[in-house]
Each structure stands twice: as structure tokens, then as C-alpha cells.
Amino acid sequence: MLERLGWRRTESYEQTRARLIAETSAYLTECLQHPELITRIPMIEAGRGRFPPSMTHAFWDTLLED
């Protein structure tokens, strides 16, 4: 399971942690420099409504195709 998450047997815990922090930092920097590339997460106040089932495909298909 850890290999699926990107953990490499040759990396120590600290190396994995540092790599994940660096990747996250690079992603956030890119998003801040190019906000047009950010995927907006649709929101509905809890208990106020529901998304139609079609919204699941509209949201996830876009993310998973990248």
C-alpha cells in the first residue's frame, strides 16, 4: 500500500516527508501563479442541499483526466 502512495523503499521516512512537502509546495506555488488552472471545488452548505449525481462525473472526470 505504501508503494501505491509514492513511498519508496530506498527513502527514509524523513526523505519521504521532505519530498512530499517539496511537491506540495511546488503545486501550491504553481496554483498561486496560475489561478486559472485551479480546479474549483463546488460547495453547498451542510444540511442545505445535495449535489445531483451528474455533478460527481462533472467534477471527478475533470480531475482524473489530467
PDB file of N, CA and C in Angstrom:
ATOM      1  N   MET A   1       0.813  -1.198   0.000  1.00  0.00           N
ATOM      2  CA  MET A   1       0.000   0.000   0.000  1.00  0.00           C
ATOM      3  C   MET A   1       0.858   1.263   0.000  1.00  0.00           C
ATOM      4  N   LEU A   2       1.920   1.263   0.773  1.00  0.00           N
ATOM      5  CA  LEU A   2       2.758   2.456   0.818  1.00  0.00           C
ATOM      6  C   LEU A   2       3.397   2.771  -0.526  1.00  0.00           C
ATOM      7  N   GLU A   3       3.725   1.725  -1.284  1.00  0.00           N
ATOM      8  CA  GLU A   3       4.297   1.957  -2.611  1.00  0.00           C
ATOM      9  C   GLU A   3       3.304   2.654  -3.520  1.00  0.00           C
ATOM     10  N   ARG A   4       2.008   2.336  -3.373  1.00  0.00           N
ATOM     11  CA  ARG A   4       0.968   2.994  -4.164  1.00  0.00           C
ATOM     12  C   ARG A   4       0.908   4.474  -3.851  1.00  0.00           C
ATOM     13  N   LEU A   5       1.234   4.855  -2.635  1.00  0.00           N
ATOM     14  CA  LEU A   5       1.169   6.254  -2.230  1.00  0.00           C
ATOM     15  C   LEU A   5       2.435   7.024  -2.569  1.00  0.00           C
ATOM     16  N   GLY A   6       3.366   6.378  -3.244  1.00  0.00           N
ATOM     17  CA  GLY A   6       4.579   7.065  -3.661  1.00  0.00           C
ATOM     18  C   GLY A   6       5.753   6.824  -2.736  1.00  0.00           C
ATOM     19  N   TRP A   7       5.579   6.021  -1.696  1.00  0.00           N
ATOM     20  CA  TRP A   7       6.666   5.732  -0.790  1.00  0.00           C
ATOM     21  C   TRP A   7       7.641   4.794  -1.458  1.00  0.00           C
ATOM     22  N   ARG A   8       8.882   5.100  -1.357  1.00  0.00           N
ATOM     23  CA  ARG A   8       9.910   4.274  -1.970  1.00  0.00           C
ATOM     24  C   ARG A   8      10.728   3.605  -0.877  1.00  0.00           C
ATOM     25  N   ARG A   9      11.009   2.340  -1.052  1.00  0.00           N
ATOM     26  CA  ARG A   9      11.761   1.600  -0.035  1.00  0.00           C
ATOM     27  C   ARG A   9      13.144   2.192   0.190  1.00  0.00           C
ATOM     28  N   THR A  10      13.688   2.864  -0.800  1.00  0.00           N
ATOM     29  CA  THR A  10      15.026   3.442  -0.668  1.00  0.00           C
ATOM     30  C   THR A  10      15.003   4.761   0.089  1.00  0.00           C
ATOM     31  N   GLU A  11      13.821   5.309   0.352  1.00  0.00           N
ATOM     32  CA  GLU A  11      13.704   6.570   1.078  1.00  0.00           C
ATOM     33  C   GLU A  11      13.432   6.297   2.548  1.00  0.00           C
ATOM     34  N   SER A  12      14.043   7.106   3.385  1.00  0.00           N
ATOM     35  CA  SER A  12      13.705   7.052   4.799  1.00  0.00           C
ATOM     36  C   SER A  12      12.417   7.834   5.000  1.00  0.00           C
ATOM     37  N   TYR A  13      11.864   7.731   6.175  1.00  0.00           N
ATOM     38  CA  TYR A  13      10.653   8.493   6.493  1.00  0.00           C
ATOM     39  C   TYR A  13      10.904   9.988   6.299  1.00  0.00           C
ATOM     40  N   GLU A  14      12.049  10.466   6.773  1.00  0.00           N
ATOM     41  CA  GLU A  14      12.354  11.898   6.656  1.00  0.00           C
ATOM     42  C   GLU A  14      12.522  12.322   5.197  1.00  0.00           C
ATOM     43  N   GLN A  15      13.115  11.473   4.367  1.00  0.00           N
ATOM     44  CA  GLN A  15      13.253  11.788   2.945  1.00  0.00           C
ATOM     45  C   GLN A  15      11.889  11.835   2.265  1.00  0.00           C
ATOM     46  N   THR A  16      11.028  10.874   2.599  1.00  0.00           N
ATOM     47  CA  THR A  16       9.677  10.855   2.037  1.00  0.00           C
ATOM     48  C   THR A  16       8.923  12.106   2.445  1.00  0.00           C
ATOM     49  N   ARG A  17       9.017  12.446   3.728  1.00  0.00           N
ATOM     50  CA  ARG A  17       8.350  13.644   4.256  1.00  0.00           C
ATOM     51  C   ARG A  17       8.839  14.891   3.537  1.00  0.00           C
ATOM     52  N   ALA A  18      10.152  15.026   3.383  1.00  0.00           N
ATOM     53  CA  ALA A  18      10.719  16.206   2.712  1.00  0.00           C
ATOM     54  C   ALA A  18      10.273  16.276   1.257  1.00  0.00           C
ATOM     55  N   ARG A  19      10.242  15.123   0.576  1.00  0.00           N
ATOM     56  CA  ARG A  19       9.807  15.094  -0.824  1.00  0.00           C
ATOM     57  C   ARG A  19       8.343  15.513  -0.950  1.00  0.00           C
ATOM     58  N   LEU A  20       7.487  14.984  -0.062  1.00  0.00           N
ATOM     59  CA  LEU A  20       6.067  15.341  -0.122  1.00  0.00           C
ATOM     60  C   LEU A  20       5.846  16.828   0.157  1.00  0.00           C
ATOM     61  N   ILE A  21       6.588  17.380   1.089  1.00  0.00           N
ATOM     62  CA  ILE A  21       6.475  18.813   1.378  1.00  0.00           C
ATOM     63  C   ILE A  21       6.930  19.629   0.173  1.00  0.00           C
ATOM     64  N   ALA A  22       8.027  19.225  -0.461  1.00  0.00           N
ATOM     65  CA  ALA A  22       8.525  19.943  -1.641  1.00  0.00           C
ATOM     66  C   ALA A  22       7.529  19.872  -2.794  1.00  0.00           C
ATOM     67  N   GLU A  23       6.935  18.689  -3.024  1.00  0.00           N
ATOM     68  CA  GLU A  23       5.950  18.545  -4.098  1.00  0.00           C
ATOM     69  C   GLU A  23       4.707  19.392  -3.823  1.00  0.00           C
ATOM     70  N   THR A  24       4.263  19.402  -2.582  1.00  0.00           N
ATOM     71  CA  THR A  24       3.095  20.204  -2.218  1.00  0.00           C
ATOM     72  C   THR A  24       3.396  21.685  -2.380  1.00  0.00           C
ATOM     73  N   SER A  25       4.576  22.100  -1.956  1.00  0.00           N
ATOM     74  CA  SER A  25       4.974  23.499  -2.101  1.00  0.00           C
ATOM     75  C   SER A  25       5.018  23.920  -3.570  1.00  0.00           C
ATOM     76  N   ALA A  26       5.577  23.066  -4.424  1.00  0.00           N
ATOM     77  CA  ALA A  26       5.643  23.373  -5.848  1.00  0.00           C
ATOM     78  C   ALA A  26       4.245  23.482  -6.449  1.00  0.00           C
ATOM     79  N   TYR A  27       3.355  22.580  -6.043  1.00  0.00           N
ATOM     80  CA  TYR A  27       1.974  22.612  -6.547  1.00  0.00           C
ATOM     81  C   TYR A  27       1.272  23.898  -6.113  1.00  0.00           C
ATOM     82  N   LEU A  28       1.389  24.245  -4.850  1.00  0.00           N
ATOM     83  CA  LEU A  28       0.720  25.455  -4.357  1.00  0.00           C
ATOM     84  C   LEU A  28       1.291  26.711  -5.007  1.00  0.00           C
ATOM     85  N   THR A  29       2.593  26.743  -5.209  1.00  0.00           N
ATOM     86  CA  THR A  29       3.220  27.881  -5.888  1.00  0.00           C
ATOM     87  C   THR A  29       2.677  28.019  -7.305  1.00  0.00           C
ATOM     88  N   GLU A  30       2.580  26.900  -8.015  1.00  0.00           N
ATOM     89  CA  GLU A  30       2.040  26.907  -9.384  1.00  0.00           C
ATOM     90  C   GLU A  30       0.598  27.404  -9.395  1.00  0.00           C
ATOM     91  N   CYS A  31      -0.195  26.954  -8.442  1.00  0.00           N
ATOM     92  CA  CYS A  31      -1.605  27.376  -8.372  1.00  0.00           C
ATOM     93  C   CYS A  31      -1.720  28.867  -8.077  1.00  0.00           C
ATOM     94  N   LEU A  32      -0.853  29.385  -7.226  1.00  0.00           N
ATOM     95  CA  LEU A  32      -0.891  30.811  -6.915  1.00  0.00           C
ATOM     96  C   LEU A  32      -0.441  31.650  -8.104  1.00  0.00           C
ATOM     97  N   GLN A  33       0.495  31.138  -8.885  1.00  0.00           N
ATOM     98  CA  GLN A  33       0.972  31.869 -10.063  1.00  0.00           C
ATOM     99  C   GLN A  33      -0.004  31.772 -11.230  1.00  0.00           C
ATOM    100  N   HIS A  34      -0.792  30.706 -11.262  1.00  0.00           N
ATOM    101  CA  HIS A  34      -1.731  30.480 -12.370  1.00  0.00           C
ATOM    102  C   HIS A  34      -3.102  30.061 -11.818  1.00  0.00           C
ATOM    103  N   PRO A  35      -3.835  30.995 -11.209  1.00  0.00           N
ATOM    104  CA  PRO A  35      -5.119  30.638 -10.603  1.00  0.00           C
ATOM    105  C   PRO A  35      -6.142  30.117 -11.607  1.00  0.00           C
ATOM    106  N   GLU A  36      -5.958  30.392 -12.875  1.00  0.00           N
ATOM    107  CA  GLU A  36      -6.897  29.898 -13.885  1.00  0.00           C
ATOM    108  C   GLU A  36      -6.821  28.378 -14.042  1.00  0.00           C
ATOM    109  N   LEU A  37      -5.748  27.774 -13.556  1.00  0.00           N
ATOM    110  CA  LEU A  37      -5.582  26.328 -13.667  1.00  0.00           C
ATOM    111  C   LEU A  37      -6.174  25.560 -12.482  1.00  0.00           C
ATOM    112  N   ILE A  38      -6.571  26.272 -11.458  1.00  0.00           N
ATOM    113  CA  ILE A  38      -7.084  25.633 -10.247  1.00  0.00           C
ATOM    114  C   ILE A  38      -8.458  25.031 -10.519  1.00  0.00           C
ATOM    115  N   THR A  39      -8.670  23.838 -10.002  1.00  0.00           N
ATOM    116  CA  THR A  39      -9.991  23.215 -10.080  1.00  0.00           C
ATOM    117  C   THR A  39     -10.812  23.703  -8.899  1.00  0.00           C
ATOM    118  N   ARG A  40     -11.893  24.347  -9.183  1.00  0.00           N
ATOM    119  CA  ARG A  40     -12.773  24.838  -8.125  1.00  0.00           C
ATOM    120  C   ARG A  40     -13.573  23.681  -7.543  1.00  0.00           C
ATOM    121  N   ILE A  41     -13.693  23.666  -6.242  1.00  0.00           N
ATOM    122  CA  ILE A  41     -14.466  22.626  -5.568  1.00  0.00           C
ATOM    123  C   ILE A  41     -15.849  23.195  -5.278  1.00  0.00           C
ATOM    124  N   PRO A  42     -16.891  22.610  -5.878  1.00  0.00           N
ATOM    125  CA  PRO A  42     -18.245  23.117  -5.634  1.00  0.00           C
ATOM    126  C   PRO A  42     -18.644  22.897  -4.172  1.00  0.00           C
ATOM    127  N   MET A  43     -19.406  23.832  -3.637  1.00  0.00           N
ATOM    128  CA  MET A  43     -19.794  23.744  -2.228  1.00  0.00           C
ATOM    129  C   MET A  43     -21.282  23.994  -2.056  1.00  0.00           C
ATOM    130  N   ILE A  44     -21.848  23.276  -1.129  1.00  0.00           N
ATOM    131  CA  ILE A  44     -23.209  23.509  -0.660  1.00  0.00           C
ATOM    132  C   ILE A  44     -23.129  23.429   0.856  1.00  0.00           C
ATOM    133  N   GLU A  45     -23.738  24.369   1.532  1.00  0.00           N
ATOM    134  CA  GLU A  45     -23.723  24.353   2.988  1.00  0.00           C
ATOM    135  C   GLU A  45     -24.313  23.042   3.502  1.00  0.00           C
ATOM    136  N   ALA A  46     -23.641  22.456   4.480  1.00  0.00           N
ATOM    137  CA  ALA A  46     -24.071  21.167   5.034  1.00  0.00           C
ATOM    138  C   ALA A  46     -25.516  21.248   5.514  1.00  0.00           C
ATOM    139  N   GLY A  47     -26.302  20.265   5.110  1.00  0.00           N
ATOM    140  CA  GLY A  47     -27.695  20.197   5.530  1.00  0.00           C
ATOM    141  C   GLY A  47     -28.638  21.072   4.726  1.00  0.00           C
ATOM    142  N   ARG A  48     -28.119  21.799   3.746  1.00  0.00           N
ATOM    143  CA  ARG A  48     -28.936  22.725   2.964  1.00  0.00           C
ATOM    144  C   ARG A  48     -29.309  22.198   1.589  1.00  0.00           C
ATOM    145  N   GLY A  49     -28.656  21.167   1.147  1.00  0.00           N
ATOM    146  CA  GLY A  49     -28.951  20.655  -0.187  1.00  0.00           C
ATOM    147  C   GLY A  49     -28.022  19.528  -0.539  1.00  0.00           C
ATOM    148  N   ARG A  50     -28.183  19.034  -1.753  1.00  0.00           N
ATOM    149  CA  ARG A  50     -27.355  17.938  -2.245  1.00  0.00           C
ATOM    150  C   ARG A  50     -26.984  18.220  -3.691  1.00  0.00           C
ATOM    151  N   PHE A  51     -25.873  17.661  -4.100  1.00  0.00           N
ATOM    152  CA  PHE A  51     -25.487  17.747  -5.498  1.00  0.00           C
ATOM    153  C   PHE A  51     -26.186  16.638  -6.265  1.00  0.00           C
ATOM    154  N   PRO A  52     -26.594  16.910  -7.490  1.00  0.00           N
ATOM    155  CA  PRO A  52     -27.171  15.840  -8.306  1.00  0.00           C
ATOM    156  C   PRO A  52     -26.073  14.834  -8.669  1.00  0.00           C
ATOM    157  N   PRO A  53     -26.440  13.584  -8.915  1.00  0.00           N
ATOM    158  CA  PRO A  53     -25.435  12.570  -9.271  1.00  0.00           C
ATOM    159  C   PRO A  53     -24.562  12.970 -10.468  1.00  0.00           C
ATOM    160  N   SER A  54     -25.114  13.733 -11.394  1.00  0.00           N
ATOM    161  CA  SER A  54     -24.330  14.147 -12.560  1.00  0.00           C
ATOM    162  C   SER A  54     -23.144  15.029 -12.163  1.00  0.00           C
ATOM    163  N   MET A  55     -23.250  15.695 -11.027  1.00  0.00           N
ATOM    164  CA  MET A  55     -22.168  16.566 -10.562  1.00  0.00           C
ATOM    165  C   MET A  55     -20.925  15.746 -10.214  1.00  0.00           C
ATOM    166  N   THR A  56     -21.126  14.522  -9.770  1.00  0.00           N
ATOM    167  CA  THR A  56     -19.999  13.650  -9.448  1.00  0.00           C
ATOM    168  C   THR A  56     -19.122  13.459 -10.676  1.00  0.00           C
ATOM    169  N   HIS A  57     -19.730  13.119 -11.785  1.00  0.00           N
ATOM    170  CA  HIS A  57     -18.962  12.913 -13.022  1.00  0.00           C
ATOM    171  C   HIS A  57     -18.366  14.216 -13.523  1.00  0.00           C
ATOM    172  N   ALA A  58     -19.123  15.287 -13.454  1.00  0.00           N
ATOM    173  CA  ALA A  58     -18.627  16.572 -13.945  1.00  0.00           C
ATOM    174  C   ALA A  58     -17.391  17.007 -13.168  1.00  0.00           C
ATOM    175  N   PHE A  59     -17.357  16.744 -11.872  1.00  0.00           N
ATOM    176  CA  PHE A  59     -16.218  17.155 -11.046  1.00  0.00           C
ATOM    177  C   PHE A  59     -15.050  16.182 -11.163  1.00  0.00           C
ATOM    178  N   TRP A  60     -15.293  14.906 -10.892  1.00  0.00           N
ATOM    179  CA  TRP A  60     -14.201  13.923 -10.835  1.00  0.00           C
ATOM    180  C   TRP A  60     -13.610  13.609 -12.199  1.00  0.00           C
ATOM    181  N   ASP A  61     -14.423  13.560 -13.243  1.00  0.00           N
ATOM    182  CA  ASP A  61     -13.880  13.258 -14.567  1.00  0.00           C
ATOM    183  C   ASP A  61     -12.833  14.297 -14.975  1.00  0.00           C
ATOM    184  N   THR A  62     -13.099  15.542 -14.661  1.00  0.00           N
ATOM    185  CA  THR A  62     -12.149  16.615 -14.984  1.00  0.00           C
ATOM    186  C   THR A  62     -10.836  16.423 -14.243  1.00  0.00           C
ATOM    187  N   LEU A  63     -10.917  16.086 -12.964  1.00  0.00           N
ATOM    188  CA  LEU A  63      -9.694  15.906 -12.172  1.00  0.00           C
ATOM    189  C   LEU A  63      -8.917  14.662 -12.576  1.00  0.00           C
ATOM    190  N   LEU A  64      -9.614  13.587 -12.806  1.00  0.00           N
ATOM    191  CA  LEU A  64      -8.942  12.312 -13.073  1.00  0.00           C
ATOM    192  C   LEU A  64      -8.401  12.203 -14.491  1.00  0.00           C
ATOM    193  N   GLU A  65      -8.844  13.053 -15.388  1.00  0.00           N
ATOM    194  CA  GLU A  65      -8.341  13.017 -16.772  1.00  0.00           C
ATOM    195  C   GLU A  65      -6.987  13.692 -16.898  1.00  0.00           C
ATOM    196  N   ASP A  66      -6.623  14.547 -15.957  1.00  0.00           N
ATOM    197  CA  ASP A  66      -5.326  15.264 -16.034  1.00  0.00           C
ATOM    198  C   ASP A  66      -4.162  14.348 -15.813  1.00  0.00           C
TER     199      ASP A  66
END
